[in-house]
Amino acid sequence: MEKLVAYSSDQAHSSVERAGLIGGVKLKAIPSDGNFAMRASALQEALERDKAAGLIPFFMVATLGTTTCCSFDNLLEVGPICNKEDIWLHVDAAYAGSAFICPEFRHLLNGVEFADSFNFNPHKWLLVNFDCSAMWVKKRTDLTGAFRLDPTYLKHSHQDSGLITDYRHWQIPLGRRFRSLKMWFVFRMYGVKGLQAYIRKHVQLSHEFESLVRQDPRFEICVEVILGLVCFRLKGSNKVNEALLQRINSAKKIHLVPCHLRDKFILRFAICSRTVESAHVQRAWEHIKELAADVLRAERE
């Protein structure tokens, strides 16, 4: 176990690091590129260095739509490397996976054929209540072979019939809630077109907010806006942006969650409410501008 090593981008969600701690294996963060995406060259360099040190690369997490800035690891580059090196490739698309219901965003999924497992959370952006996580595996026996236990008290007459899927062999817990029912109701209520319209509206509103930010010379956009997240900041120090965030959240009209990108303190404007409209985006921006003026005035005094 001490020689096993897993990998992820330096932008991967903290749950990946937690998984490494639970599994008792080394986890190494691969430096992302200028667009905060993991690329083949950085991964290959890390693999060669670790193999030379006697370590055994065995698992890699690629992220589609990172939490910090909604960047996308390049599956077409890292996927073939993982397959060649016999490394399990897991794709974390917790947020962005919902967008793939729209054909115009599916190019972001290119290379998924190299993945051994894929996960996204319908409760994040597909109108399903918490919690609901959908996972696919390329080869189910990889899971059932690891988790299958058959004590007498759990056996039943249908387990070898092939007529049921016994999920107790797919996971750590034996039982599970009937999460799929609430997702089924969402599908029945909205349909494919309704869900596509919902996603597209959020993306359109995020670009509307991006446009407002770009029109104000005091602010800058920090990362390309692809889906429903806009990363922006006041031009200047981290201190002034921290002060702006504190004022925004203290006012309690809107709430923003920050992140750090390359040591810069970033504000994140996420379009995620079912009822959000353009008027809400406009009012939010006016509110942010007013508070920014107060912060900059206090900075000068």
C-alpha atoms as a PDB file:
ATOM      1  CA  MET A   1       0.000   0.000   0.000  1.00  0.00           C
ATOM      2  CA  GLU A   2       2.797   2.415   0.807  1.00  0.00           C
ATOM      3  CA  LYS A   3       3.956   2.354  -2.818  1.00  0.00           C
ATOM      4  CA  LEU A   4       0.550   3.081  -4.355  1.00  0.00           C
ATOM      5  CA  VAL A   5       0.113   6.614  -5.653  1.00  0.00           C
ATOM      6  CA  ALA A   6      -2.956   8.383  -7.043  1.00  0.00           C
ATOM      7  CA  TYR A   7      -3.139  11.620  -9.026  1.00  0.00           C
ATOM      8  CA  SER A   8      -5.442  14.544  -9.648  1.00  0.00           C
ATOM      9  CA  SER A   9      -5.190  18.099 -10.904  1.00  0.00           C
ATOM     10  CA  ASP A  10      -4.185  20.766  -8.407  1.00  0.00           C
ATOM     11  CA  GLN A  11      -7.714  22.117  -9.009  1.00  0.00           C
ATOM     12  CA  ALA A  12      -9.501  18.896  -7.987  1.00  0.00           C
ATOM     13  CA  HIS A  13     -12.185  18.984  -5.299  1.00  0.00           C
ATOM     14  CA  SER A  14     -11.120  18.465  -1.686  1.00  0.00           C
ATOM     15  CA  SER A  15     -13.105  15.211  -1.611  1.00  0.00           C
ATOM     16  CA  VAL A  16     -10.397  13.670  -3.801  1.00  0.00           C
ATOM     17  CA  GLU A  17      -7.796  14.429  -1.150  1.00  0.00           C
ATOM     18  CA  ARG A  18     -10.132  13.008   1.482  1.00  0.00           C
ATOM     19  CA  ALA A  19     -10.517   9.809  -0.537  1.00  0.00           C
ATOM     20  CA  GLY A  20      -6.744   9.439  -0.524  1.00  0.00           C
ATOM     21  CA  LEU A  21      -6.681   9.845   3.254  1.00  0.00           C
ATOM     22  CA  ILE A  22      -9.441   7.264   3.690  1.00  0.00           C
ATOM     23  CA  GLY A  23      -7.710   4.851   1.326  1.00  0.00           C
ATOM     24  CA  GLY A  24      -4.370   5.324   3.003  1.00  0.00           C
ATOM     25  CA  VAL A  25      -2.569   6.026  -0.276  1.00  0.00           C
ATOM     26  CA  LYS A  26      -0.386   8.833  -1.537  1.00  0.00           C
ATOM     27  CA  LEU A  27      -2.177  11.476  -3.602  1.00  0.00           C
ATOM     28  CA  LYS A  28      -0.202  13.840  -5.816  1.00  0.00           C
ATOM     29  CA  ALA A  29      -1.519  17.035  -7.383  1.00  0.00           C
ATOM     30  CA  ILE A  30      -0.545  17.573 -11.026  1.00  0.00           C
ATOM     31  CA  PRO A  31       0.142  21.262 -11.801  1.00  0.00           C
ATOM     32  CA  SER A  32      -2.530  22.681 -14.102  1.00  0.00           C
ATOM     33  CA  ASP A  33      -1.837  24.842 -17.147  1.00  0.00           C
ATOM     34  CA  GLY A  34      -2.699  28.490 -17.748  1.00  0.00           C
ATOM     35  CA  ASN A  35      -6.363  27.556 -18.139  1.00  0.00           C
ATOM     36  CA  PHE A  36      -6.284  25.570 -14.875  1.00  0.00           C
ATOM     37  CA  ALA A  37      -6.570  22.264 -16.730  1.00  0.00           C
ATOM     38  CA  MET A  38      -4.475  19.122 -16.376  1.00  0.00           C
ATOM     39  CA  ARG A  39      -2.443  18.294 -19.480  1.00  0.00           C
ATOM     40  CA  ALA A  40      -0.579  15.227 -20.701  1.00  0.00           C
ATOM     41  CA  SER A  41       2.949  16.604 -20.348  1.00  0.00           C
ATOM     42  CA  ALA A  42       2.620  17.369 -16.633  1.00  0.00           C
ATOM     43  CA  LEU A  43       1.004  13.999 -15.922  1.00  0.00           C
ATOM     44  CA  GLN A  44       3.613  12.058 -17.895  1.00  0.00           C
ATOM     45  CA  GLU A  45       6.429  13.832 -16.091  1.00  0.00           C
ATOM     46  CA  ALA A  46       4.954  12.947 -12.688  1.00  0.00           C
ATOM     47  CA  LEU A  47       4.420   9.306 -13.673  1.00  0.00           C
ATOM     48  CA  GLU A  48       7.984   8.867 -14.891  1.00  0.00           C
ATOM     49  CA  ARG A  49       9.401  10.490 -11.779  1.00  0.00           C
ATOM     50  CA  ASP A  50       7.322   8.333  -9.436  1.00  0.00           C
ATOM     51  CA  LYS A  51       7.962   5.070 -11.266  1.00  0.00           C
ATOM     52  CA  ALA A  52      11.689   5.789 -11.150  1.00  0.00           C
ATOM     53  CA  ALA A  53      11.316   6.207  -7.378  1.00  0.00           C
ATOM     54  CA  GLY A  54       9.724   2.758  -7.107  1.00  0.00           C
ATOM     55  CA  LEU A  55       6.143   3.958  -6.665  1.00  0.00           C
ATOM     56  CA  ILE A  56       3.122   2.332  -8.330  1.00  0.00           C
ATOM     57  CA  PRO A  57       0.699   4.731 -10.088  1.00  0.00           C
ATOM     58  CA  PHE A  58      -2.768   3.167  -9.942  1.00  0.00           C
ATOM     59  CA  PHE A  59      -5.535   5.798  -9.919  1.00  0.00           C
ATOM     60  CA  MET A  60      -6.233   9.183 -11.478  1.00  0.00           C
ATOM     61  CA  VAL A  61      -9.077  11.663 -11.091  1.00  0.00           C
ATOM     62  CA  ALA A  62      -9.780  14.018 -13.979  1.00  0.00           C
ATOM     63  CA  THR A  63     -12.235  16.839 -13.386  1.00  0.00           C
ATOM     64  CA  LEU A  64     -14.725  18.253 -15.853  1.00  0.00           C
ATOM     65  CA  GLY A  65     -15.854  21.560 -14.382  1.00  0.00           C
ATOM     66  CA  THR A  66     -13.647  22.198 -11.354  1.00  0.00           C
ATOM     67  CA  THR A  67     -15.189  23.681  -8.228  1.00  0.00           C
ATOM     68  CA  THR A  68     -12.829  26.641  -8.125  1.00  0.00           C
ATOM     69  CA  CYS A  69     -13.266  27.975 -11.658  1.00  0.00           C
ATOM     70  CA  CYS A  70     -15.107  25.395 -13.825  1.00  0.00           C
ATOM     71  CA  SER A  71     -12.013  24.382 -15.785  1.00  0.00           C
ATOM     72  CA  PHE A  72     -11.845  21.130 -17.740  1.00  0.00           C
ATOM     73  CA  ASP A  73      -9.036  18.598 -17.661  1.00  0.00           C
ATOM     74  CA  ASN A  74      -8.063  17.377 -21.131  1.00  0.00           C
ATOM     75  CA  LEU A  75      -9.369  13.792 -21.318  1.00  0.00           C
ATOM     76  CA  LEU A  76      -8.133  13.318 -24.877  1.00  0.00           C
ATOM     77  CA  GLU A  77      -4.602  13.869 -23.590  1.00  0.00           C
ATOM     78  CA  VAL A  78      -4.589  12.224 -20.166  1.00  0.00           C
ATOM     79  CA  GLY A  79      -6.952   9.359 -21.037  1.00  0.00           C
ATOM     80  CA  PRO A  80      -4.610   7.456 -23.384  1.00  0.00           C
ATOM     81  CA  ILE A  81      -1.774   7.794 -20.865  1.00  0.00           C
ATOM     82  CA  CYS A  82      -3.902   6.259 -18.113  1.00  0.00           C
ATOM     83  CA  ASN A  83      -4.997   3.407 -20.373  1.00  0.00           C
ATOM     84  CA  LYS A  84      -1.414   2.736 -21.458  1.00  0.00           C
ATOM     85  CA  GLU A  85      -0.124   2.763 -17.875  1.00  0.00           C
ATOM     86  CA  ASP A  86      -3.054   0.644 -16.608  1.00  0.00           C
ATOM     87  CA  ILE A  87      -4.203   3.443 -14.304  1.00  0.00           C
ATOM     88  CA  TRP A  88      -7.865   3.621 -13.317  1.00  0.00           C
ATOM     89  CA  LEU A  89      -9.265   6.882 -14.715  1.00  0.00           C
ATOM     90  CA  HIS A  90     -12.174   8.355 -12.801  1.00  0.00           C
ATOM     91  CA  VAL A  91     -13.970  11.418 -14.186  1.00  0.00           C
ATOM     92  CA  ASP A  92     -15.473  13.843 -11.678  1.00  0.00           C
ATOM     93  CA  ALA A  93     -18.140  15.893 -13.450  1.00  0.00           C
ATOM     94  CA  ALA A  94     -20.116  16.688 -10.298  1.00  0.00           C
ATOM     95  CA  TYR A  95     -21.329  20.106 -11.499  1.00  0.00           C
ATOM     96  CA  ALA A  96     -20.681  20.209 -15.232  1.00  0.00           C
ATOM     97  CA  GLY A  97     -22.096  16.755 -15.936  1.00  0.00           C
ATOM     98  CA  SER A  98     -25.616  18.174 -16.003  1.00  0.00           C
ATOM     99  CA  ALA A  99     -24.673  20.466 -18.909  1.00  0.00           C
ATOM    100  CA  PHE A 100     -23.944  17.482 -21.133  1.00  0.00           C
ATOM    101  CA  ILE A 101     -27.673  17.081 -21.635  1.00  0.00           C
ATOM    102  CA  CYS A 102     -27.160  19.931 -24.149  1.00  0.00           C
ATOM    103  CA  PRO A 103     -25.417  18.871 -27.395  1.00  0.00           C
ATOM    104  CA  GLU A 104     -23.454  22.130 -27.639  1.00  0.00           C
ATOM    105  CA  PHE A 105     -21.523  21.302 -24.455  1.00  0.00           C
ATOM    106  CA  ARG A 106     -20.711  17.674 -25.199  1.00  0.00           C
ATOM    107  CA  HIS A 107     -17.390  18.515 -26.823  1.00  0.00           C
ATOM    108  CA  LEU A 108     -16.184  19.135 -23.269  1.00  0.00           C
ATOM    109  CA  LEU A 109     -16.761  15.416 -22.729  1.00  0.00           C
ATOM    110  CA  ASN A 110     -14.461  14.323 -25.552  1.00  0.00           C
ATOM    111  CA  GLY A 111     -12.181  11.542 -24.362  1.00  0.00           C
ATOM    112  CA  VAL A 112     -14.633  10.096 -21.829  1.00  0.00           C
ATOM    113  CA  GLU A 113     -14.287   6.751 -23.608  1.00  0.00           C
ATOM    114  CA  PHE A 114     -10.945   6.371 -21.825  1.00  0.00           C
ATOM    115  CA  ALA A 115     -12.596   6.583 -18.386  1.00  0.00           C
ATOM    116  CA  ASP A 116     -13.156   3.595 -16.128  1.00  0.00           C
ATOM    117  CA  SER A 117     -15.746   5.443 -14.051  1.00  0.00           C
ATOM    118  CA  PHE A 118     -17.724   8.674 -14.346  1.00  0.00           C
ATOM    119  CA  ASN A 119     -19.735  10.562 -11.754  1.00  0.00           C
ATOM    120  CA  PHE A 120     -21.976  13.621 -11.697  1.00  0.00           C
ATOM    121  CA  ASN A 121     -24.443  15.100  -9.203  1.00  0.00           C
ATOM    122  CA  PRO A 122     -27.951  15.840 -10.521  1.00  0.00           C
ATOM    123  CA  HIS A 123     -28.624  17.691  -7.257  1.00  0.00           C
ATOM    124  CA  LYS A 124     -26.089  20.342  -8.254  1.00  0.00           C
ATOM    125  CA  TRP A 125     -27.575  21.557 -11.532  1.00  0.00           C
ATOM    126  CA  LEU A 126     -30.356  19.277 -12.743  1.00  0.00           C
ATOM    127  CA  LEU A 127     -33.186  20.295 -10.411  1.00  0.00           C
ATOM    128  CA  VAL A 128     -32.999  17.156  -8.253  1.00  0.00           C
ATOM    129  CA  ASN A 129     -33.086  17.594  -4.483  1.00  0.00           C
ATOM    130  CA  PHE A 130     -30.033  16.663  -2.418  1.00  0.00           C
ATOM    131  CA  ASP A 131     -28.625  14.072  -2.458  1.00  0.00           C
ATOM    132  CA  CYS A 132     -28.429  12.388  -5.828  1.00  0.00           C
ATOM    133  CA  SER A 133     -25.216  11.213  -7.453  1.00  0.00           C
ATOM    134  CA  ALA A 134     -25.078   9.216 -10.680  1.00  0.00           C
ATOM    135  CA  MET A 135     -22.103   6.975 -11.385  1.00  0.00           C
ATOM    136  CA  TRP A 136     -21.204   4.856 -14.380  1.00  0.00           C
ATOM    137  CA  VAL A 137     -18.532   2.176 -14.484  1.00  0.00           C
ATOM    138  CA  LYS A 138     -17.059   0.649 -17.614  1.00  0.00           C
ATOM    139  CA  LYS A 139     -16.806  -2.791 -16.026  1.00  0.00           C
ATOM    140  CA  ARG A 140     -19.136  -3.470 -13.115  1.00  0.00           C
ATOM    141  CA  THR A 141     -17.248  -6.574 -12.015  1.00  0.00           C
ATOM    142  CA  ASP A 142     -14.382  -4.318 -10.945  1.00  0.00           C
ATOM    143  CA  LEU A 143     -16.698  -3.054  -8.202  1.00  0.00           C
ATOM    144  CA  THR A 144     -18.590  -6.216  -7.379  1.00  0.00           C
ATOM    145  CA  GLY A 145     -15.371  -8.193  -7.243  1.00  0.00           C
ATOM    146  CA  ALA A 146     -14.014  -5.830  -4.593  1.00  0.00           C
ATOM    147  CA  PHE A 147     -17.135  -5.440  -2.435  1.00  0.00           C
ATOM    148  CA  ARG A 148     -18.965  -8.766  -2.764  1.00  0.00           C
ATOM    149  CA  LEU A 149     -19.613 -10.594   0.494  1.00  0.00           C
ATOM    150  CA  ASP A 150     -22.337 -13.216   0.874  1.00  0.00           C
ATOM    151  CA  PRO A 151     -23.041 -14.104   4.499  1.00  0.00           C
ATOM    152  CA  THR A 152     -26.038 -16.388   4.969  1.00  0.00           C
ATOM    153  CA  TYR A 153     -28.213 -13.634   6.436  1.00  0.00           C
ATOM    154  CA  LEU A 154     -27.909 -11.538   3.250  1.00  0.00           C
ATOM    155  CA  LYS A 155     -28.565 -14.257   0.690  1.00  0.00           C
ATOM    156  CA  HIS A 156     -31.855 -14.357  -1.190  1.00  0.00           C
ATOM    157  CA  SER A 157     -33.439 -16.528  -3.842  1.00  0.00           C
ATOM    158  CA  HIS A 158     -33.062 -14.015  -6.695  1.00  0.00           C
ATOM    159  CA  GLN A 159     -29.412 -13.043  -6.268  1.00  0.00           C
ATOM    160  CA  ASP A 160     -28.119 -15.354  -9.002  1.00  0.00           C
ATOM    161  CA  SER A 161     -31.101 -15.082 -11.335  1.00  0.00           C
ATOM    162  CA  GLY A 162     -29.693 -12.212 -13.386  1.00  0.00           C
ATOM    163  CA  LEU A 163     -33.030 -10.420 -13.012  1.00  0.00           C
ATOM    164  CA  ILE A 164     -31.914  -7.877 -10.414  1.00  0.00           C
ATOM    165  CA  THR A 165     -28.948  -5.603  -9.795  1.00  0.00           C
ATOM    166  CA  ASP A 166     -27.838  -6.016  -6.195  1.00  0.00           C
ATOM    167  CA  TYR A 167     -26.224  -2.680  -5.370  1.00  0.00           C
ATOM    168  CA  ARG A 168     -24.912  -3.865  -2.007  1.00  0.00           C
ATOM    169  CA  HIS A 169     -22.048  -5.339  -4.030  1.00  0.00           C
ATOM    170  CA  TRP A 170     -21.310  -1.972  -5.680  1.00  0.00           C
ATOM    171  CA  GLN A 171     -20.611   0.161  -2.631  1.00  0.00           C
ATOM    172  CA  ILE A 172     -19.421   0.355   0.968  1.00  0.00           C
ATOM    173  CA  PRO A 173     -22.873   0.475   2.670  1.00  0.00           C
ATOM    174  CA  LEU A 174     -25.272  -2.454   2.250  1.00  0.00           C
ATOM    175  CA  GLY A 175     -28.438  -0.363   1.950  1.00  0.00           C
ATOM    176  CA  ARG A 176     -29.335   2.639  -0.138  1.00  0.00           C
ATOM    177  CA  ARG A 177     -32.232   5.044  -0.426  1.00  0.00           C
ATOM    178  CA  PHE A 178     -34.478   5.113  -3.483  1.00  0.00           C
ATOM    179  CA  ARG A 179     -32.816   8.233  -4.902  1.00  0.00           C
ATOM    180  CA  SER A 180     -33.700   7.434  -8.492  1.00  0.00           C
ATOM    181  CA  LEU A 181     -37.410   8.103  -7.912  1.00  0.00           C
ATOM    182  CA  LYS A 182     -36.965  11.845  -7.392  1.00  0.00           C
ATOM    183  CA  MET A 183     -34.776  12.043 -10.494  1.00  0.00           C
ATOM    184  CA  TRP A 184     -37.431  10.157 -12.476  1.00  0.00           C
ATOM    185  CA  PHE A 185     -40.057  12.703 -11.399  1.00  0.00           C
ATOM    186  CA  VAL A 186     -37.831  15.591 -12.542  1.00  0.00           C
ATOM    187  CA  PHE A 187     -37.395  13.925 -15.932  1.00  0.00           C
ATOM    188  CA  ARG A 188     -41.157  13.395 -16.224  1.00  0.00           C
ATOM    189  CA  MET A 189     -41.970  16.959 -15.203  1.00  0.00           C
ATOM    190  CA  TYR A 190     -39.408  18.852 -17.322  1.00  0.00           C
ATOM    191  CA  GLY A 191     -38.482  16.461 -20.114  1.00  0.00           C
ATOM    192  CA  VAL A 192     -35.276  16.728 -22.103  1.00  0.00           C
ATOM    193  CA  LYS A 193     -36.217  20.046 -23.695  1.00  0.00           C
ATOM    194  CA  GLY A 194     -37.202  21.584 -20.376  1.00  0.00           C
ATOM    195  CA  LEU A 195     -33.930  20.595 -18.724  1.00  0.00           C
ATOM    196  CA  GLN A 196     -31.933  21.799 -21.713  1.00  0.00           C
ATOM    197  CA  ALA A 197     -33.714  25.158 -21.577  1.00  0.00           C
ATOM    198  CA  TYR A 198     -32.939  25.414 -17.851  1.00  0.00           C
ATOM    199  CA  ILE A 199     -29.206  24.804 -18.378  1.00  0.00           C
ATOM    200  CA  ARG A 200     -29.020  27.128 -21.388  1.00  0.00           C
ATOM    201  CA  LYS A 201     -30.738  29.932 -19.501  1.00  0.00           C
ATOM    202  CA  HIS A 202     -28.193  29.743 -16.689  1.00  0.00           C
ATOM    203  CA  VAL A 203     -25.286  29.780 -19.132  1.00  0.00           C
ATOM    204  CA  GLN A 204     -26.788  32.771 -20.940  1.00  0.00           C
ATOM    205  CA  LEU A 205     -27.209  34.632 -17.641  1.00  0.00           C
ATOM    206  CA  SER A 206     -23.614  33.907 -16.638  1.00  0.00           C
ATOM    207  CA  HIS A 207     -22.420  35.426 -19.917  1.00  0.00           C
ATOM    208  CA  GLU A 208     -24.665  38.417 -19.249  1.00  0.00           C
ATOM    209  CA  PHE A 209     -22.950  38.909 -15.894  1.00  0.00           C
ATOM    210  CA  GLU A 210     -19.552  38.432 -17.544  1.00  0.00           C
ATOM    211  CA  SER A 211     -20.393  41.202 -20.007  1.00  0.00           C
ATOM    212  CA  LEU A 212     -21.328  43.555 -17.171  1.00  0.00           C
ATOM    213  CA  VAL A 213     -18.039  42.868 -15.390  1.00  0.00           C
ATOM    214  CA  ARG A 214     -16.002  43.461 -18.546  1.00  0.00           C
ATOM    215  CA  GLN A 215     -17.652  46.848 -19.037  1.00  0.00           C
ATOM    216  CA  ASP A 216     -16.303  48.083 -15.696  1.00  0.00           C
ATOM    217  CA  PRO A 217     -12.560  48.899 -15.872  1.00  0.00           C
ATOM    218  CA  ARG A 218     -12.187  48.379 -12.120  1.00  0.00           C
ATOM    219  CA  PHE A 219     -12.818  44.651 -12.499  1.00  0.00           C
ATOM    220  CA  GLU A 220     -11.315  41.737 -14.384  1.00  0.00           C
ATOM    221  CA  ILE A 221     -12.533  38.306 -15.490  1.00  0.00           C
ATOM    222  CA  CYS A 222     -10.085  35.690 -14.238  1.00  0.00           C
ATOM    223  CA  VAL A 223     -11.051  32.560 -16.194  1.00  0.00           C
ATOM    224  CA  GLU A 224     -12.932  31.850 -19.409  1.00  0.00           C
ATOM    225  CA  VAL A 225     -16.662  31.624 -18.699  1.00  0.00           C
ATOM    226  CA  ILE A 226     -17.922  28.303 -20.058  1.00  0.00           C
ATOM    227  CA  LEU A 227     -20.994  27.338 -18.039  1.00  0.00           C
ATOM    228  CA  GLY A 228     -22.782  29.017 -15.133  1.00  0.00           C
ATOM    229  CA  LEU A 229     -19.823  30.264 -13.089  1.00  0.00           C
ATOM    230  CA  VAL A 230     -18.097  33.635 -13.430  1.00  0.00           C
ATOM    231  CA  CYS A 231     -14.750  34.153 -11.666  1.00  0.00           C
ATOM    232  CA  PHE A 232     -13.942  37.845 -11.285  1.00  0.00           C
ATOM    233  CA  ARG A 233     -12.167  40.294  -8.991  1.00  0.00           C
ATOM    234  CA  LEU A 234     -11.289  43.910  -8.492  1.00  0.00           C
ATOM    235  CA  LYS A 235      -7.992  44.791 -10.106  1.00  0.00           C
ATOM    236  CA  GLY A 236      -5.577  45.142  -7.253  1.00  0.00           C
ATOM    237  CA  SER A 237      -4.588  43.335  -4.097  1.00  0.00           C
ATOM    238  CA  ASN A 238      -6.085  40.279  -2.449  1.00  0.00           C
ATOM    239  CA  LYS A 239      -6.812  42.469   0.553  1.00  0.00           C
ATOM    240  CA  VAL A 240      -9.190  44.727  -1.351  1.00  0.00           C
ATOM    241  CA  ASN A 241     -11.018  41.728  -2.818  1.00  0.00           C
ATOM    242  CA  GLU A 242     -11.328  40.101   0.589  1.00  0.00           C
ATOM    243  CA  ALA A 243     -12.816  43.347   1.873  1.00  0.00           C
ATOM    244  CA  LEU A 244     -15.289  43.416  -1.012  1.00  0.00           C
ATOM    245  CA  LEU A 245     -16.386  39.845  -0.351  1.00  0.00           C
ATOM    246  CA  GLN A 246     -16.833  40.595   3.332  1.00  0.00           C
ATOM    247  CA  ARG A 247     -19.099  43.547   2.523  1.00  0.00           C
ATOM    248  CA  ILE A 248     -21.095  41.571  -0.043  1.00  0.00           C
ATOM    249  CA  ASN A 249     -21.823  38.676   2.278  1.00  0.00           C
ATOM    250  CA  SER A 250     -22.404  40.903   5.309  1.00  0.00           C
ATOM    251  CA  ALA A 251     -25.057  42.853   3.383  1.00  0.00           C
ATOM    252  CA  LYS A 252     -26.947  39.557   2.921  1.00  0.00           C
ATOM    253  CA  LYS A 253     -28.540  40.485  -0.384  1.00  0.00           C
ATOM    254  CA  ILE A 254     -26.461  37.979  -2.333  1.00  0.00           C
ATOM    255  CA  HIS A 255     -23.868  35.445  -1.234  1.00  0.00           C
ATOM    256  CA  LEU A 256     -20.574  34.705  -2.980  1.00  0.00           C
ATOM    257  CA  VAL A 257     -18.060  31.940  -2.265  1.00  0.00           C
ATOM    258  CA  PRO A 258     -14.402  32.760  -3.049  1.00  0.00           C
ATOM    259  CA  CYS A 259     -11.433  30.713  -4.179  1.00  0.00           C
ATOM    260  CA  HIS A 260      -7.704  31.138  -4.722  1.00  0.00           C
ATOM    261  CA  LEU A 261      -6.214  30.796  -8.209  1.00  0.00           C
ATOM    262  CA  ARG A 262      -2.424  31.134  -8.524  1.00  0.00           C
ATOM    263  CA  ASP A 263      -2.387  32.954  -5.169  1.00  0.00           C
ATOM    264  CA  LYS A 264      -5.049  35.427  -6.303  1.00  0.00           C
ATOM    265  CA  PHE A 265      -8.204  35.847  -4.221  1.00  0.00           C
ATOM    266  CA  ILE A 266     -11.141  35.369  -6.599  1.00  0.00           C
ATOM    267  CA  LEU A 267     -14.858  36.091  -6.291  1.00  0.00           C
ATOM    268  CA  ARG A 268     -17.185  33.480  -7.798  1.00  0.00           C
ATOM    269  CA  PHE A 269     -20.623  34.424  -9.119  1.00  0.00           C
ATOM    270  CA  ALA A 270     -22.614  31.225  -9.621  1.00  0.00           C
ATOM    271  CA  ILE A 271     -25.927  31.115 -11.465  1.00  0.00           C
ATOM    272  CA  CYS A 272     -27.702  28.238  -9.741  1.00  0.00           C
ATOM    273  CA  SER A 273     -31.221  29.210  -8.647  1.00  0.00           C
ATOM    274  CA  ARG A 274     -34.221  27.693 -10.399  1.00  0.00           C
ATOM    275  CA  THR A 275     -36.006  31.054 -10.424  1.00  0.00           C
ATOM    276  CA  VAL A 276     -33.134  33.389 -11.374  1.00  0.00           C
ATOM    277  CA  GLU A 277     -33.862  35.966 -14.080  1.00  0.00           C
ATOM    278  CA  SER A 278     -31.894  38.664 -15.872  1.00  0.00           C
ATOM    279  CA  ALA A 279     -33.295  41.280 -13.489  1.00  0.00           C
ATOM    280  CA  HIS A 280     -31.708  39.453 -10.550  1.00  0.00           C
ATOM    281  CA  VAL A 281     -28.327  39.426 -12.291  1.00  0.00           C
ATOM    282  CA  GLN A 282     -28.598  43.137 -13.060  1.00  0.00           C
ATOM    283  CA  ARG A 283     -29.521  44.002  -9.471  1.00  0.00           C
ATOM    284  CA  ALA A 284     -26.727  41.825  -8.106  1.00  0.00           C
ATOM    285  CA  TRP A 285     -24.199  43.617 -10.285  1.00  0.00           C
ATOM    286  CA  GLU A 286     -25.443  47.056  -9.248  1.00  0.00           C
ATOM    287  CA  HIS A 287     -25.131  45.958  -5.632  1.00  0.00           C
ATOM    288  CA  ILE A 288     -21.575  44.682  -6.191  1.00  0.00           C
ATOM    289  CA  LYS A 289     -20.574  47.924  -7.930  1.00  0.00           C
ATOM    290  CA  GLU A 290     -21.877  50.041  -5.058  1.00  0.00           C
ATOM    291  CA  LEU A 291     -19.995  48.010  -2.476  1.00  0.00           C
ATOM    292  CA  ALA A 292     -16.858  48.034  -4.629  1.00  0.00           C
ATOM    293  CA  ALA A 293     -16.980  51.831  -4.703  1.00  0.00           C
ATOM    294  CA  ASP A 294     -17.183  51.860  -0.901  1.00  0.00           C
ATOM    295  CA  VAL A 295     -14.222  49.490  -0.590  1.00  0.00           C
ATOM    296  CA  LEU A 296     -12.062  51.480  -3.008  1.00  0.00           C
ATOM    297  CA  ARG A 297     -12.971  54.723  -1.267  1.00  0.00           C
ATOM    298  CA  ALA A 298     -11.964  53.276   2.101  1.00  0.00           C
ATOM    299  CA  GLU A 299      -8.735  52.006   0.536  1.00  0.00           C
ATOM    300  CA  ARG A 300      -7.789  55.529  -0.577  1.00  0.00           C
ATOM    301  CA  GLU A 301      -8.562  57.164   2.752  1.00  0.00           C
END
